[in-house]
């Protein structure tokens, strides 16, 4: 009787989950992060401080992200290691607790920010580009169907009656919310169609419905975002046809950006008239000037992550911003100023480096990675435009931030390291 020597160790136990369950879990989390449930459930005037539902409703989305990470913790760790600037942004946001003018609020919102960010990391670590496109596409498909239902069957919810009577707002509090989300949705649904030819007809149908919702919102800014997204998709398709086509597309793209910038600078009145806005961008320039006055008092470290806008004391930076702007704003209406105000120049630089790294990887993907180019590049182009007039970067419980983090981290994490 022989004695067994050097027996191979037992294989490590791995958590497994049906692929359809993973798909559904990811869609569920994204639907919660979309915020499309808030208006029908709590109404348009509810605030986080006044609604228990808003304070706890995102917890299941956090849990879904943790489950996805727990199934592949090694992959999630490798994703994070390749994004040092994202880690720096998170570290600075958390550290700002120690100098925040509203530490209780900062600690709560930092927790939400970290959980929201990990949701994006989980998506990047779990899905390949074609599958990720369909996860996000399915999320937008559900939102699109729900928007048509509330706008046509329950217009008291889905259609505005006061500021812009007749404009569709769908599941969000105002028309720009619907238009902006659907501009992003068109980019993602188009990518889902191009990356998954067998279901292309389905995804193109929903992409067309997203365009309809942008038009029904009557938001000209969202329409510009949509057109920019269409241009970005066209740029990717042309650039990937070969080196000559890529060079030509790049030249046309750069020339177009230069001409558009010149038009905005030298014909600003015409540009604003096309958008249906005044020279203050509906009061945004007043907010920016008021924010910059407060930034000058704490330029290096800021006032603490998300500490300014919930300060109702009547004497803090929020009160001065409201006084100088002439009205009470909910955020800085500029993603770059938002980081400077909350986390100082240190946080602004960290965010800028993270953004620069992401855009560099996206441009490289245009010529090397079809999945990353089609899915991430158009979204990031539109995101860059929207970030100039809205605070959508480093934002807790924000759909667009989850998607940005997912694309940013996925661009540095090739498909060959992903199982699903």
Protein backbone atom coordinates (compact mmCIF):
# COMPACT_ATOMS: atom_id res chain seq x y z
CA UNK A 1 0.00 0.00 0.00
CA UNK A 2 1.61 3.26 -1.09
CA UNK A 3 1.61 6.44 0.94
CA UNK A 4 0.41 9.63 -0.75
CA UNK A 5 3.01 12.36 -0.64
CA UNK A 6 2.84 15.98 -1.63
CA UNK A 7 -0.93 15.92 -2.11
CA UNK A 8 -2.17 19.03 -3.83
CA UNK A 9 -3.90 21.44 -1.46
CA UNK A 10 -7.62 21.82 -1.78
CA UNK A 11 -8.72 24.56 -4.16
CA UNK A 12 -9.79 27.74 -2.36
CA UNK A 13 -13.48 28.18 -1.92
CA UNK A 14 -14.82 30.97 -4.14
CA UNK A 15 -18.10 32.74 -3.85
CA UNK A 16 -20.19 32.20 -6.96
CA UNK A 17 -23.31 33.92 -8.18
CA UNK A 18 -25.44 33.26 -11.27
CA UNK A 19 -24.56 35.74 -14.01
CA UNK A 20 -28.17 36.88 -14.34
CA UNK A 21 -28.24 37.58 -10.60
CA UNK A 22 -25.07 39.67 -10.88
CA UNK A 23 -26.60 41.54 -13.78
CA UNK A 24 -29.81 42.22 -11.85
CA UNK A 25 -27.93 43.26 -8.71
CA UNK A 26 -25.90 45.81 -10.66
CA UNK A 27 -28.99 47.21 -12.40
CA UNK A 28 -30.79 47.44 -9.05
CA UNK A 29 -27.93 49.46 -7.54
CA UNK A 30 -27.76 51.82 -10.54
CA UNK A 31 -31.51 52.39 -10.44
CA UNK A 32 -31.26 53.48 -6.82
CA UNK A 33 -28.30 55.75 -7.57
CA UNK A 34 -30.24 57.30 -10.47
CA UNK A 35 -32.52 59.06 -7.99
CA UNK A 36 -35.43 58.45 -10.35
CA UNK A 37 -37.49 57.10 -7.46
CA UNK A 38 -37.25 60.25 -5.31
CA UNK A 39 -39.89 62.44 -7.00
CA UNK A 40 -42.65 59.76 -7.14
CA UNK A 41 -41.92 58.53 -3.60
CA UNK A 42 -41.16 61.64 -1.52
CA UNK A 43 -42.27 64.53 -3.73
CA UNK A 44 -40.34 67.47 -5.14
CA UNK A 45 -39.89 69.47 -1.94
CA UNK A 46 -38.44 66.76 0.29
CA UNK A 47 -34.87 67.25 1.52
CA UNK A 48 -32.32 64.84 2.90
CA UNK A 49 -32.52 66.38 6.36
CA UNK A 50 -36.30 66.27 6.42
CA UNK A 51 -36.98 62.85 4.92
CA UNK A 52 -36.05 59.59 6.63
CA UNK A 53 -36.57 57.78 3.32
CA UNK A 54 -33.89 59.83 1.57
CA UNK A 55 -31.45 59.17 4.40
CA UNK A 56 -31.73 55.38 4.25
CA UNK A 57 -32.91 54.53 0.74
CA UNK A 58 -29.40 54.38 -0.70
CA UNK A 59 -28.23 51.77 1.81
CA UNK A 60 -29.40 48.84 -0.40
CA UNK A 61 -27.35 50.31 -3.27
CA UNK A 62 -24.29 50.38 -1.03
CA UNK A 63 -24.98 46.79 0.00
CA UNK A 64 -25.25 45.68 -3.64
CA UNK A 65 -21.87 47.25 -4.36
CA UNK A 66 -20.30 45.50 -1.36
CA UNK A 67 -21.69 42.16 -2.54
CA UNK A 68 -20.17 42.64 -6.00
CA UNK A 69 -16.83 43.52 -4.41
CA UNK A 70 -17.00 40.56 -2.00
CA UNK A 71 -17.39 38.19 -4.94
CA UNK A 72 -14.11 39.43 -6.46
CA UNK A 73 -12.20 41.35 -3.76
CA UNK A 74 -8.84 40.82 -5.46
CA UNK A 75 -10.06 42.41 -8.69
CA UNK A 76 -11.54 45.38 -6.83
CA UNK A 77 -8.24 45.88 -5.02
CA UNK A 78 -6.29 45.80 -8.30
CA UNK A 79 -8.70 48.35 -9.76
CA UNK A 80 -8.13 50.75 -6.86
CA UNK A 81 -4.36 50.35 -6.92
CA UNK A 82 -4.34 51.55 -10.53
CA UNK A 83 -6.22 54.72 -9.61
CA UNK A 84 -3.97 56.51 -7.09
CA UNK A 85 -5.55 59.89 -7.79
CA UNK A 86 -9.03 58.54 -7.00
CA UNK A 87 -7.67 57.24 -3.69
CA UNK A 88 -6.14 60.66 -3.07
CA UNK A 89 -9.48 62.39 -3.70
CA UNK A 90 -11.23 60.04 -1.27
CA UNK A 91 -8.49 60.47 1.35
CA UNK A 92 -8.66 64.27 1.16
CA UNK A 93 -12.47 64.24 1.41
CA UNK A 94 -12.30 62.07 4.54
CA UNK A 95 -9.43 64.08 6.03
CA UNK A 96 -11.41 67.30 5.56
CA UNK A 97 -13.47 66.17 8.54
CA UNK A 98 -10.71 67.59 10.76
CA UNK A 99 -11.09 71.15 9.43
CA UNK A 100 -14.71 71.10 8.30
CA UNK A 101 -17.00 73.92 9.38
CA UNK A 102 -19.73 71.29 9.68
CA UNK A 103 -17.99 68.05 10.76
CA UNK A 104 -21.15 66.07 11.48
CA UNK A 105 -22.41 66.64 7.97
CA UNK A 106 -19.00 65.97 6.42
CA UNK A 107 -18.59 62.59 8.13
CA UNK A 108 -22.06 61.42 7.01
CA UNK A 109 -21.54 62.54 3.45
CA UNK A 110 -18.01 61.12 3.29
CA UNK A 111 -19.42 57.73 4.22
CA UNK A 112 -21.98 58.06 1.43
CA UNK A 113 -19.28 59.24 -1.00
CA UNK A 114 -17.00 56.28 -0.29
CA UNK A 115 -19.88 53.81 -0.68
CA UNK A 116 -21.03 55.49 -3.89
CA UNK A 117 -17.50 55.42 -5.31
CA UNK A 118 -17.04 51.75 -4.41
CA UNK A 119 -20.22 51.05 -6.38
CA UNK A 120 -18.48 52.31 -9.51
CA UNK A 121 -15.33 50.34 -8.69
CA UNK A 122 -17.41 47.17 -8.27
CA UNK A 123 -18.88 47.56 -11.76
CA UNK A 124 -15.44 47.99 -13.31
CA UNK A 125 -14.04 44.96 -11.50
CA UNK A 126 -16.98 42.71 -12.30
CA UNK A 127 -17.99 43.24 -15.96
CA UNK A 128 -16.31 43.33 -19.36
CA UNK A 129 -17.06 46.30 -21.62
CA UNK A 130 -19.92 44.69 -23.65
CA UNK A 131 -21.59 43.35 -20.51
CA UNK A 132 -21.07 46.61 -18.64
CA UNK A 133 -22.72 48.46 -21.53
CA UNK A 134 -25.77 46.22 -21.24
CA UNK A 135 -25.94 46.58 -17.45
CA UNK A 136 -26.04 50.35 -17.84
CA UNK A 137 -28.27 50.11 -20.91
CA UNK A 138 -30.81 48.01 -19.01
CA UNK A 139 -30.82 50.64 -16.26
CA UNK A 140 -31.58 53.40 -18.73
CA UNK A 141 -34.20 51.24 -20.44
CA UNK A 142 -36.09 50.89 -17.15
CA UNK A 143 -35.81 54.63 -16.51
CA UNK A 144 -37.03 55.44 -20.03
CA UNK A 145 -40.12 53.22 -19.71
CA UNK A 146 -40.88 54.70 -16.29
CA UNK A 147 -40.52 58.25 -17.65
CA UNK A 148 -42.99 57.64 -20.45
CA UNK A 149 -45.43 56.09 -17.97
CA UNK A 150 -45.37 59.03 -15.55
CA UNK A 151 -45.42 61.65 -18.31
CA UNK A 152 -48.32 60.10 -20.23
CA UNK A 153 -50.32 58.36 -17.50
CA UNK A 154 -49.52 60.55 -14.45
CA UNK A 155 -48.71 64.00 -15.88
CA UNK A 156 -49.06 65.67 -12.49
CA UNK A 157 -45.76 63.94 -11.65
CA UNK A 158 -44.00 63.79 -15.00
CA UNK A 159 -44.91 67.15 -16.58
CA UNK A 160 -43.98 70.58 -15.23
CA UNK A 161 -46.81 73.04 -14.57
CA UNK A 162 -45.13 76.13 -13.09
CA UNK A 163 -41.75 77.36 -14.34
CA UNK A 164 -41.89 75.59 -17.71
CA UNK A 165 -45.50 74.46 -18.27
CA UNK A 166 -45.74 71.43 -20.52
CA UNK A 167 -42.06 70.49 -20.36
CA UNK A 168 -41.48 66.87 -19.43
CA UNK A 169 -39.43 66.21 -16.31
CA UNK A 170 -40.08 62.49 -16.03
CA UNK A 171 -38.79 61.08 -12.75
CA UNK A 172 -36.74 64.12 -11.77
CA UNK A 173 -37.62 67.45 -10.18
CA UNK A 174 -37.15 69.60 -13.27
CA UNK A 175 -36.76 69.30 -17.01
CA UNK A 176 -32.99 69.65 -17.11
CA UNK A 177 -32.72 66.62 -14.88
CA UNK A 178 -34.60 64.47 -17.40
CA UNK A 179 -32.83 65.94 -20.43
CA UNK A 180 -29.36 65.65 -18.92
CA UNK A 181 -29.78 62.04 -17.81
CA UNK A 182 -31.19 61.02 -21.17
CA UNK A 183 -28.32 62.69 -23.06
CA UNK A 184 -26.00 60.38 -21.11
CA UNK A 185 -28.43 57.53 -21.71
CA UNK A 186 -28.27 57.95 -25.48
CA UNK A 187 -24.47 57.62 -25.40
CA UNK A 188 -24.57 54.47 -23.29
CA UNK A 189 -27.46 52.83 -25.16
CA UNK A 190 -25.74 53.50 -28.48
CA UNK A 191 -22.58 51.86 -27.14
CA UNK A 192 -24.62 48.88 -25.94
CA UNK A 193 -26.00 48.48 -29.47
CA UNK A 194 -22.58 48.73 -31.12
CA UNK A 195 -20.89 46.35 -28.66
CA UNK A 196 -23.70 43.76 -28.68
CA UNK A 197 -24.80 43.29 -32.31
CA UNK A 198 -27.22 40.46 -31.51
CA UNK A 199 -29.35 42.81 -29.42
CA UNK A 200 -28.54 45.97 -31.34
CA UNK A 201 -32.14 46.55 -32.46
CA UNK A 202 -33.32 46.55 -28.83
CA UNK A 203 -30.69 49.03 -27.67
CA UNK A 204 -31.10 51.31 -30.70
CA UNK A 205 -34.84 51.46 -29.98
CA UNK A 206 -34.21 52.67 -26.45
CA UNK A 207 -31.54 55.09 -27.70
CA UNK A 208 -34.17 56.61 -29.97
CA UNK A 209 -36.60 56.87 -27.07
CA UNK A 210 -33.90 58.66 -25.06
CA UNK A 211 -33.68 61.24 -27.85
CA UNK A 212 -37.46 61.70 -27.70
CA UNK A 213 -37.26 62.38 -23.96
CA UNK A 214 -34.49 64.95 -24.47
CA UNK A 215 -36.69 66.75 -27.00
CA UNK A 216 -39.78 66.57 -24.79
CA UNK A 217 -37.82 68.05 -21.88
CA UNK A 218 -37.30 71.18 -24.05
CA UNK A 219 -33.87 71.55 -22.42
CA UNK A 220 -31.57 73.21 -24.95
CA UNK A 221 -28.52 72.54 -22.80
CA UNK A 222 -29.36 68.83 -22.81
CA UNK A 223 -29.87 68.97 -26.57
CA UNK A 224 -26.36 70.43 -26.95
CA UNK A 225 -25.05 67.60 -24.74
CA UNK A 226 -26.87 65.07 -26.91
CA UNK A 227 -25.38 66.50 -30.09
CA UNK A 228 -21.94 66.46 -28.50
CA UNK A 229 -22.45 62.80 -27.60
CA UNK A 230 -23.47 61.99 -31.18
CA UNK A 231 -20.35 63.75 -32.41
CA UNK A 232 -18.15 61.81 -29.97
CA UNK A 233 -19.62 58.48 -31.09
CA UNK A 234 -19.04 59.45 -34.72
CA UNK A 235 -15.48 60.45 -33.90
CA UNK A 236 -14.77 57.03 -32.35
CA UNK A 237 -16.28 55.14 -35.29
CA UNK A 238 -14.28 57.14 -37.83
CA UNK A 239 -11.04 57.07 -35.82
CA UNK A 240 -11.11 53.28 -35.59
CA UNK A 241 -11.30 52.79 -39.34
CA UNK A 242 -7.53 53.11 -39.70
CA UNK A 243 -4.54 55.39 -39.03
CA UNK A 244 -5.40 57.84 -41.80
CA UNK A 245 -9.04 58.07 -40.73
CA UNK A 246 -7.93 58.43 -37.12
CA UNK A 247 -5.61 61.31 -37.94
CA UNK A 248 -8.30 63.03 -40.01
CA UNK A 249 -10.93 62.56 -37.27
CA UNK A 250 -8.54 63.95 -34.67
CA UNK A 251 -7.78 66.99 -36.81
CA UNK A 252 -11.48 67.65 -37.41
CA UNK A 253 -12.25 67.18 -33.70
CA UNK A 254 -9.55 69.57 -32.52
CA UNK A 255 -10.52 72.13 -35.15
CA UNK A 256 -14.15 71.89 -34.12
CA UNK A 257 -13.29 72.44 -30.46
CA UNK A 258 -11.17 75.49 -31.32
CA UNK A 259 -13.92 76.99 -33.49
CA UNK A 260 -16.58 76.33 -30.83
CA UNK A 261 -14.40 77.95 -28.15
CA UNK A 262 -13.83 80.98 -30.37
CA UNK A 263 -17.57 81.24 -31.05
CA UNK A 264 -18.36 81.19 -27.33
CA UNK A 265 -15.69 83.78 -26.55
CA UNK A 266 -16.35 86.23 -29.37
CA UNK A 267 -20.08 85.71 -29.95
CA UNK A 268 -21.25 84.97 -26.44
CA UNK A 269 -24.58 86.76 -26.86
CA UNK A 270 -25.48 84.64 -29.87
CA UNK A 271 -24.38 81.47 -28.09
CA UNK A 272 -26.49 82.24 -25.01
CA UNK A 273 -29.47 83.12 -27.21
CA UNK A 274 -29.24 79.71 -28.89
CA UNK A 275 -29.26 78.04 -25.48
CA UNK A 276 -32.12 80.24 -24.30
CA UNK A 277 -30.07 81.62 -21.41
CA UNK A 278 -28.87 85.03 -20.30
CA UNK A 279 -25.26 86.11 -19.88
CA UNK A 280 -25.27 84.91 -16.24
CA UNK A 281 -26.20 81.33 -17.33
CA UNK A 282 -29.38 81.52 -15.22
CA UNK A 283 -27.53 82.99 -12.26
CA UNK A 284 -24.59 80.59 -12.36
CA UNK A 285 -21.97 83.28 -12.85
CA UNK A 286 -23.28 85.02 -9.73
CA UNK A 287 -22.85 81.79 -7.75
CA UNK A 288 -19.33 81.33 -9.13
CA UNK A 289 -18.31 84.86 -8.12
CA UNK A 290 -19.78 84.38 -4.63
CA UNK A 291 -18.04 81.01 -4.23
CA UNK A 292 -14.68 82.50 -5.28
CA UNK A 293 -15.00 85.15 -2.58
CA UNK A 294 -15.33 82.41 0.04
CA UNK A 295 -12.55 80.34 -1.50
CA UNK A 296 -10.14 83.23 -0.96
CA UNK A 297 -10.54 82.85 2.81
CA UNK A 298 -9.60 79.14 2.78
CA UNK A 299 -7.79 78.50 -0.48
CA UNK A 300 -5.67 75.50 0.51
CA UNK A 301 -7.97 73.20 2.51
CA UNK A 302 -11.46 74.57 1.93
CA UNK A 303 -14.39 74.31 4.31
CA UNK A 304 -14.76 70.53 4.41
CA UNK A 305 -16.35 68.07 2.01
CA UNK A 306 -19.99 69.10 1.39
CA UNK A 307 -19.91 71.17 4.59
CA UNK A 308 -21.02 74.49 3.09
CA UNK A 309 -24.41 73.80 1.53
CA UNK A 310 -26.09 72.30 4.58
CA UNK A 311 -25.02 75.08 6.93
CA UNK A 312 -28.17 76.90 8.01
CA UNK A 313 -26.57 78.85 10.87
CA UNK A 314 -26.99 82.17 9.07
CA UNK A 315 -23.40 83.29 9.52
CA UNK A 316 -21.22 80.70 7.73
CA UNK A 317 -19.98 80.60 4.11
CA UNK A 318 -23.38 79.46 2.84
CA UNK A 319 -24.99 82.63 4.19
CA UNK A 320 -22.36 84.80 2.50
CA UNK A 321 -22.67 82.94 -0.81
CA UNK A 322 -26.45 83.37 -0.71
CA UNK A 323 -26.10 87.08 0.11
CA UNK A 324 -23.60 87.77 -2.67
CA UNK A 325 -25.38 85.62 -5.27
CA UNK A 326 -28.81 87.03 -4.41
CA UNK A 327 -30.46 83.64 -3.84
CA UNK A 328 -29.86 80.31 -2.11
CA UNK A 329 -28.06 77.75 -4.25
CA UNK A 330 -27.83 74.03 -3.53
CA UNK A 331 -24.30 73.63 -4.91
CA UNK A 332 -21.62 75.58 -6.76
CA UNK A 333 -22.95 74.69 -10.24
CA UNK A 334 -19.40 73.92 -11.31
CA UNK A 335 -17.58 70.69 -10.46
CA UNK A 336 -14.19 72.37 -10.31
CA UNK A 337 -15.25 75.19 -8.00
CA UNK A 338 -17.09 72.67 -5.84
CA UNK A 339 -13.86 70.79 -5.10
CA UNK A 340 -11.98 74.00 -4.39
CA UNK A 341 -14.67 75.22 -2.00
CA UNK A 342 -14.99 71.95 -0.10
CA UNK A 343 -11.48 70.46 -0.20
CA UNK A 344 -9.31 73.42 -1.09
CA UNK A 345 -6.58 73.61 -3.69
CA UNK A 346 -5.25 70.24 -2.48
CA UNK A 347 -8.54 68.52 -3.31
CA UNK A 348 -8.92 70.44 -6.56
CA UNK A 349 -5.49 69.27 -7.75
CA UNK A 350 -6.26 65.66 -6.81
CA UNK A 351 -9.54 65.77 -8.71
CA UNK A 352 -7.84 67.47 -11.68
CA UNK A 353 -5.18 64.75 -11.86
CA UNK A 354 -7.83 62.01 -11.63
CA UNK A 355 -9.83 63.66 -14.41
CA UNK A 356 -6.73 64.15 -16.56
CA UNK A 357 -5.71 60.51 -16.11
CA UNK A 358 -9.21 59.35 -17.04
CA UNK A 359 -9.44 61.49 -20.17
CA UNK A 360 -5.95 60.44 -21.28
CA UNK A 361 -6.88 56.77 -20.96
CA UNK A 362 -10.13 57.45 -22.84
CA UNK A 363 -8.30 59.07 -25.75
CA UNK A 364 -5.84 56.17 -25.87
CA UNK A 365 -8.79 53.76 -25.86
CA UNK A 366 -10.17 55.41 -29.00
CA UNK A 367 -7.24 53.96 -30.93
CA UNK A 368 -6.64 50.74 -28.94
CA UNK A 369 -9.74 49.49 -27.11
CA UNK A 370 -13.05 49.35 -28.99
CA UNK A 371 -15.13 48.69 -25.87
CA UNK A 372 -13.65 51.49 -23.81
CA UNK A 373 -13.77 53.87 -26.75
CA UNK A 374 -17.43 53.34 -27.60
CA UNK A 375 -18.75 53.23 -24.04
CA UNK A 376 -16.50 55.54 -22.05
CA UNK A 377 -15.31 58.23 -24.47
CA UNK A 378 -18.71 59.73 -25.52
CA UNK A 379 -19.93 59.67 -21.91
CA UNK A 380 -16.78 61.41 -20.68
CA UNK A 381 -17.00 64.09 -23.38
CA UNK A 382 -20.57 64.95 -22.35
CA UNK A 383 -19.61 64.69 -18.67
CA UNK A 384 -16.83 67.23 -19.20
CA UNK A 385 -19.31 69.73 -20.62
CA UNK A 386 -21.94 69.22 -17.93
CA UNK A 387 -19.29 69.49 -15.18
CA UNK A 388 -18.73 73.12 -16.17
CA UNK A 389 -22.23 74.14 -15.12
CA UNK A 390 -23.22 71.44 -12.58
CA UNK A 391 -21.56 69.92 -9.51
CA UNK A 392 -21.48 66.29 -10.62
CA UNK A 393 -17.92 65.31 -9.64
CA UNK A 394 -17.00 63.67 -6.31
CA UNK A 395 -20.69 63.68 -5.43
CA UNK A 396 -22.30 61.21 -3.04
CA UNK A 397 -25.39 59.24 -4.11
CA UNK A 398 -25.02 60.55 -7.65
CA UNK A 399 -25.74 58.40 -10.71
CA UNK A 400 -23.29 60.26 -12.93
CA UNK A 401 -20.44 59.97 -10.43
CA UNK A 402 -20.96 56.19 -10.19
CA UNK A 403 -20.77 55.94 -13.98
CA UNK A 404 -17.72 58.21 -14.15
CA UNK A 405 -15.86 56.13 -11.55
CA UNK A 406 -16.85 52.90 -13.31
CA UNK A 407 -15.45 54.15 -16.63
CA UNK A 408 -12.37 55.75 -15.09
CA UNK A 409 -11.36 52.61 -13.24
CA UNK A 410 -12.38 50.26 -16.04
CA UNK A 411 -10.15 52.09 -18.52
CA UNK A 412 -7.18 51.05 -16.38
CA UNK A 413 -8.44 47.47 -15.89
CA UNK A 414 -8.40 45.44 -19.14
CA UNK A 415 -11.12 42.96 -20.01
CA UNK A 416 -8.73 40.01 -19.81
CA UNK A 417 -8.71 40.42 -16.02
CA UNK A 418 -12.49 40.30 -15.77
CA UNK A 419 -14.57 37.11 -15.60
CA UNK A 420 -18.11 38.24 -16.44
